[in-house]
Amino acid sequence: MKRFFIIAMVATALISCKSGKGTSQKKVTQNASQIEASSFMIEKNVWELTSFQGKSPEEAGFTDRIPHVVINKEKASMGGNSGCNSFSGGVEVTDYTLKLGLFMSTKMYCDGVPEIEFFKILEGELDYKVEDEKLSLTKDGQPVMEFRLKEKDQ
């Protein structure tokens, strides 16, 4: 019985060592950068739109106001302005994705602003990445919006 216990312990130790062997430095670096990325998702950080479906905000039709978002991971909330109307709602933030829940919006009329497209992009699940104070959103593997950190909590 004692011999069986020793063999089981040695086997467990060998399996543990082998499973840790495949961890790459790249994966560790990605995890560290995503932890840093989620630290940007606080209430006082304002993200301003810089690219909408591959176009500048002005080329896309945001001529009066540039859309912005504020994502608060801790409170699971997201809000901002769509270039016309203000909006707010719940958001689920994981290491790599944003999932906007039900949200409410003001209902002002704004001519020519692609607000419906803006909100449709925010529906469902979006992958995100933060690099150099730039927030990139992709949907179904395609880049859809990019934001820059306009106001940062000090």
C-alpha atoms as a PDB file:
ATOM      1  CA  MET A   1       0.000   0.000   0.000  1.00  0.00           C
ATOM      2  CA  LYS A   2       2.852   2.323   0.897  1.00  0.00           C
ATOM      3  CA  ARG A   3       4.551   1.550  -2.420  1.00  0.00           C
ATOM      4  CA  PHE A   4       1.307   2.360  -4.357  1.00  0.00           C
ATOM      5  CA  PHE A   5       1.053   5.731  -2.588  1.00  0.00           C
ATOM      6  CA  ILE A   6       4.667   6.646  -3.478  1.00  0.00           C
ATOM      7  CA  ILE A   7       4.129   5.645  -7.138  1.00  0.00           C
ATOM      8  CA  ALA A   8       0.932   7.739  -7.283  1.00  0.00           C
ATOM      9  CA  MET A   9       2.754  10.789  -5.830  1.00  0.00           C
ATOM     10  CA  VAL A  10       5.646  10.467  -8.309  1.00  0.00           C
ATOM     11  CA  ALA A  11       3.224  10.100 -11.235  1.00  0.00           C
ATOM     12  CA  THR A  12       1.298  13.181 -10.108  1.00  0.00           C
ATOM     13  CA  ALA A  13       4.500  15.200  -9.815  1.00  0.00           C
ATOM     14  CA  LEU A  14       5.642  14.140 -13.308  1.00  0.00           C
ATOM     15  CA  ILE A  15       2.269  15.021 -14.856  1.00  0.00           C
ATOM     16  CA  SER A  16       2.313  18.425 -13.138  1.00  0.00           C
ATOM     17  CA  CYS A  17       5.787  19.192 -14.446  1.00  0.00           C
ATOM     18  CA  LYS A  18       4.882  18.157 -17.973  1.00  0.00           C
ATOM     19  CA  SER A  19       1.692  20.254 -18.138  1.00  0.00           C
ATOM     20  CA  GLY A  20       3.556  23.405 -17.065  1.00  0.00           C
ATOM     21  CA  LYS A  21       6.230  22.846 -19.693  1.00  0.00           C
ATOM     22  CA  GLY A  22       3.952  23.957 -22.561  1.00  0.00           C
ATOM     23  CA  THR A  23       3.283  27.436 -21.141  1.00  0.00           C
ATOM     24  CA  SER A  24       4.816  29.948 -23.514  1.00  0.00           C
ATOM     25  CA  GLN A  25       6.191  33.374 -22.685  1.00  0.00           C
ATOM     26  CA  LYS A  26       3.837  34.833 -25.319  1.00  0.00           C
ATOM     27  CA  LYS A  27       0.772  33.568 -23.457  1.00  0.00           C
ATOM     28  CA  VAL A  28       2.066  34.976 -20.169  1.00  0.00           C
ATOM     29  CA  THR A  29       2.705  38.333 -21.872  1.00  0.00           C
ATOM     30  CA  GLN A  30      -0.800  38.323 -23.419  1.00  0.00           C
ATOM     31  CA  ASN A  31      -2.387  37.645 -20.032  1.00  0.00           C
ATOM     32  CA  ALA A  32      -0.381  40.468 -18.449  1.00  0.00           C
ATOM     33  CA  SER A  33      -1.398  42.894 -21.205  1.00  0.00           C
ATOM     34  CA  GLN A  34      -5.069  41.915 -20.848  1.00  0.00           C
ATOM     35  CA  ILE A  35      -4.884  42.523 -17.089  1.00  0.00           C
ATOM     36  CA  GLU A  36      -3.439  45.932 -17.925  1.00  0.00           C
ATOM     37  CA  ALA A  37      -6.171  46.400 -20.564  1.00  0.00           C
ATOM     38  CA  SER A  38      -8.980  45.782 -18.110  1.00  0.00           C
ATOM     39  CA  SER A  39      -7.388  48.338 -15.748  1.00  0.00           C
ATOM     40  CA  PHE A  40      -8.322  50.952 -18.388  1.00  0.00           C
ATOM     41  CA  MET A  41     -11.981  49.982 -18.032  1.00  0.00           C
ATOM     42  CA  ILE A  42     -12.850  52.340 -15.195  1.00  0.00           C
ATOM     43  CA  GLU A  43     -15.539  54.955 -14.776  1.00  0.00           C
ATOM     44  CA  LYS A  44     -13.436  58.057 -15.421  1.00  0.00           C
ATOM     45  CA  ASN A  45     -11.747  56.887 -18.625  1.00  0.00           C
ATOM     46  CA  VAL A  46     -13.429  58.269 -21.747  1.00  0.00           C
ATOM     47  CA  TRP A  47     -12.763  56.501 -25.071  1.00  0.00           C
ATOM     48  CA  GLU A  48     -13.290  58.616 -28.217  1.00  0.00           C
ATOM     49  CA  LEU A  49     -14.065  56.985 -31.588  1.00  0.00           C
ATOM     50  CA  THR A  50     -11.201  57.186 -34.107  1.00  0.00           C
ATOM     51  CA  SER A  51     -12.315  54.578 -36.656  1.00  0.00           C
ATOM     52  CA  PHE A  52     -15.771  53.267 -37.592  1.00  0.00           C
ATOM     53  CA  GLN A  53     -15.813  50.300 -39.965  1.00  0.00           C
ATOM     54  CA  GLY A  54     -12.487  51.378 -41.448  1.00  0.00           C
ATOM     55  CA  LYS A  55     -13.422  55.049 -41.886  1.00  0.00           C
ATOM     56  CA  SER A  56     -12.694  58.143 -39.861  1.00  0.00           C
ATOM     57  CA  PRO A  57     -15.686  59.272 -37.775  1.00  0.00           C
ATOM     58  CA  GLU A  58     -16.249  62.226 -40.117  1.00  0.00           C
ATOM     59  CA  GLU A  59     -16.127  60.013 -43.247  1.00  0.00           C
ATOM     60  CA  ALA A  60     -18.607  57.628 -41.585  1.00  0.00           C
ATOM     61  CA  GLY A  61     -21.098  60.474 -40.971  1.00  0.00           C
ATOM     62  CA  PHE A  62     -20.344  61.567 -37.408  1.00  0.00           C
ATOM     63  CA  THR A  63     -20.074  65.230 -38.373  1.00  0.00           C
ATOM     64  CA  ASP A  64     -21.699  66.973 -35.407  1.00  0.00           C
ATOM     65  CA  ARG A  65     -20.341  64.942 -32.487  1.00  0.00           C
ATOM     66  CA  ILE A  66     -17.679  62.248 -32.187  1.00  0.00           C
ATOM     67  CA  PRO A  67     -19.021  59.163 -30.363  1.00  0.00           C
ATOM     68  CA  HIS A  68     -17.424  58.147 -27.096  1.00  0.00           C
ATOM     69  CA  VAL A  69     -17.813  55.338 -24.559  1.00  0.00           C
ATOM     70  CA  VAL A  70     -17.047  54.817 -20.889  1.00  0.00           C
ATOM     71  CA  ILE A  71     -16.683  51.201 -19.730  1.00  0.00           C
ATOM     72  CA  ASN A  72     -16.705  50.432 -16.024  1.00  0.00           C
ATOM     73  CA  LYS A  73     -15.699  46.810 -15.489  1.00  0.00           C
ATOM     74  CA  GLU A  74     -16.189  46.964 -11.721  1.00  0.00           C
ATOM     75  CA  LYS A  75     -19.785  48.213 -11.973  1.00  0.00           C
ATOM     76  CA  ALA A  76     -20.499  46.182 -15.154  1.00  0.00           C
ATOM     77  CA  SER A  77     -21.749  49.308 -16.901  1.00  0.00           C
ATOM     78  CA  MET A  78     -21.142  51.055 -20.197  1.00  0.00           C
ATOM     79  CA  GLY A  79     -22.370  54.381 -21.449  1.00  0.00           C
ATOM     80  CA  GLY A  80     -21.510  57.242 -23.717  1.00  0.00           C
ATOM     81  CA  ASN A  81     -22.742  59.065 -26.764  1.00  0.00           C
ATOM     82  CA  SER A  82     -23.457  57.598 -30.199  1.00  0.00           C
ATOM     83  CA  GLY A  83     -22.722  60.822 -32.045  1.00  0.00           C
ATOM     84  CA  CYS A  84     -26.299  61.918 -31.461  1.00  0.00           C
ATOM     85  CA  ASN A  85     -27.872  60.320 -28.393  1.00  0.00           C
ATOM     86  CA  SER A  86     -26.550  59.389 -24.979  1.00  0.00           C
ATOM     87  CA  PHE A  87     -26.821  55.747 -23.934  1.00  0.00           C
ATOM     88  CA  SER A  88     -26.121  53.555 -20.929  1.00  0.00           C
ATOM     89  CA  GLY A  89     -26.534  49.945 -19.922  1.00  0.00           C
ATOM     90  CA  GLY A  90     -24.909  46.858 -18.544  1.00  0.00           C
ATOM     91  CA  VAL A  91     -21.796  45.226 -19.940  1.00  0.00           C
ATOM     92  CA  GLU A  92     -20.017  41.984 -19.174  1.00  0.00           C
ATOM     93  CA  VAL A  93     -16.246  42.374 -19.467  1.00  0.00           C
ATOM     94  CA  THR A  94     -14.060  39.269 -19.652  1.00  0.00           C
ATOM     95  CA  ASP A  95     -10.360  39.030 -20.470  1.00  0.00           C
ATOM     96  CA  TYR A  96     -10.996  39.313 -24.203  1.00  0.00           C
ATOM     97  CA  THR A  97     -14.664  40.164 -24.786  1.00  0.00           C
ATOM     98  CA  LEU A  98     -17.317  42.787 -24.122  1.00  0.00           C
ATOM     99  CA  LYS A  99     -20.969  41.829 -24.097  1.00  0.00           C
ATOM    100  CA  LEU A 100     -23.374  44.770 -23.906  1.00  0.00           C
ATOM    101  CA  GLY A 101     -26.647  43.923 -22.210  1.00  0.00           C
ATOM    102  CA  LEU A 102     -29.894  45.845 -22.387  1.00  0.00           C
ATOM    103  CA  PHE A 103     -29.349  49.561 -22.642  1.00  0.00           C
ATOM    104  CA  MET A 104     -31.348  52.743 -22.854  1.00  0.00           C
ATOM    105  CA  SER A 105     -30.825  55.748 -25.066  1.00  0.00           C
ATOM    106  CA  THR A 106     -32.189  59.233 -25.504  1.00  0.00           C
ATOM    107  CA  LYS A 107     -34.203  59.638 -28.709  1.00  0.00           C
ATOM    108  CA  MET A 108     -33.177  62.918 -30.356  1.00  0.00           C
ATOM    109  CA  TYR A 109     -33.339  63.160 -34.131  1.00  0.00           C
ATOM    110  CA  CYS A 110     -29.986  63.607 -35.842  1.00  0.00           C
ATOM    111  CA  ASP A 111     -29.835  63.701 -39.619  1.00  0.00           C
ATOM    112  CA  GLY A 112     -27.248  61.522 -41.361  1.00  0.00           C
ATOM    113  CA  VAL A 113     -25.584  60.065 -38.251  1.00  0.00           C
ATOM    114  CA  PRO A 114     -25.043  56.270 -38.540  1.00  0.00           C
ATOM    115  CA  GLU A 115     -26.377  55.751 -35.033  1.00  0.00           C
ATOM    116  CA  ILE A 116     -28.354  52.591 -35.864  1.00  0.00           C
ATOM    117  CA  GLU A 117     -25.198  50.959 -37.251  1.00  0.00           C
ATOM    118  CA  PHE A 118     -23.261  52.097 -34.162  1.00  0.00           C
ATOM    119  CA  PHE A 119     -25.776  50.411 -31.843  1.00  0.00           C
ATOM    120  CA  LYS A 120     -25.990  47.261 -34.007  1.00  0.00           C
ATOM    121  CA  ILE A 121     -22.234  46.818 -33.697  1.00  0.00           C
ATOM    122  CA  LEU A 122     -22.531  47.035 -29.924  1.00  0.00           C
ATOM    123  CA  GLU A 123     -25.166  44.252 -29.868  1.00  0.00           C
ATOM    124  CA  GLY A 124     -23.899  40.804 -28.971  1.00  0.00           C
ATOM    125  CA  GLU A 125     -20.304  39.950 -28.224  1.00  0.00           C
ATOM    126  CA  LEU A 126     -17.262  41.996 -29.221  1.00  0.00           C
ATOM    127  CA  ASP A 127     -13.619  41.057 -28.881  1.00  0.00           C
ATOM    128  CA  TYR A 128     -11.434  43.835 -27.567  1.00  0.00           C
ATOM    129  CA  LYS A 129      -7.766  44.705 -27.272  1.00  0.00           C
ATOM    130  CA  VAL A 130      -6.089  47.667 -25.599  1.00  0.00           C
ATOM    131  CA  GLU A 131      -2.670  48.739 -26.864  1.00  0.00           C
ATOM    132  CA  ASP A 132      -0.951  52.087 -26.413  1.00  0.00           C
ATOM    133  CA  GLU A 133      -4.136  53.648 -24.993  1.00  0.00           C
ATOM    134  CA  LYS A 134      -6.093  52.504 -28.058  1.00  0.00           C
ATOM    135  CA  LEU A 135      -9.193  50.294 -27.696  1.00  0.00           C
ATOM    136  CA  SER A 136      -9.864  48.093 -30.724  1.00  0.00           C
ATOM    137  CA  LEU A 137     -13.182  46.264 -31.116  1.00  0.00           C
ATOM    138  CA  THR A 138     -13.713  43.351 -33.492  1.00  0.00           C
ATOM    139  CA  LYS A 139     -16.870  41.413 -34.277  1.00  0.00           C
ATOM    140  CA  ASP A 140     -16.816  38.015 -35.969  1.00  0.00           C
ATOM    141  CA  GLY A 141     -13.088  38.507 -36.580  1.00  0.00           C
ATOM    142  CA  GLN A 142     -13.547  41.841 -38.402  1.00  0.00           C
ATOM    143  CA  PRO A 143     -12.356  45.204 -37.012  1.00  0.00           C
ATOM    144  CA  VAL A 144     -15.412  47.394 -36.440  1.00  0.00           C
ATOM    145  CA  MET A 145     -14.422  50.316 -34.202  1.00  0.00           C
ATOM    146  CA  GLU A 146     -11.350  51.869 -32.644  1.00  0.00           C
ATOM    147  CA  PHE A 147     -11.205  54.371 -29.815  1.00  0.00           C
ATOM    148  CA  ARG A 148      -8.423  56.386 -28.233  1.00  0.00           C
ATOM    149  CA  LEU A 149      -8.218  57.215 -24.563  1.00  0.00           C
ATOM    150  CA  LYS A 150      -9.374  60.836 -24.490  1.00  0.00           C
ATOM    151  CA  GLU A 151      -9.674  61.418 -20.755  1.00  0.00           C
ATOM    152  CA  LYS A 152      -7.819  59.292 -18.265  1.00  0.00           C
ATOM    153  CA  ASP A 153      -8.315  59.022 -14.534  1.00  0.00           C
ATOM    154  CA  GLN A 154      -5.116  60.165 -12.881  1.00  0.00           C
END
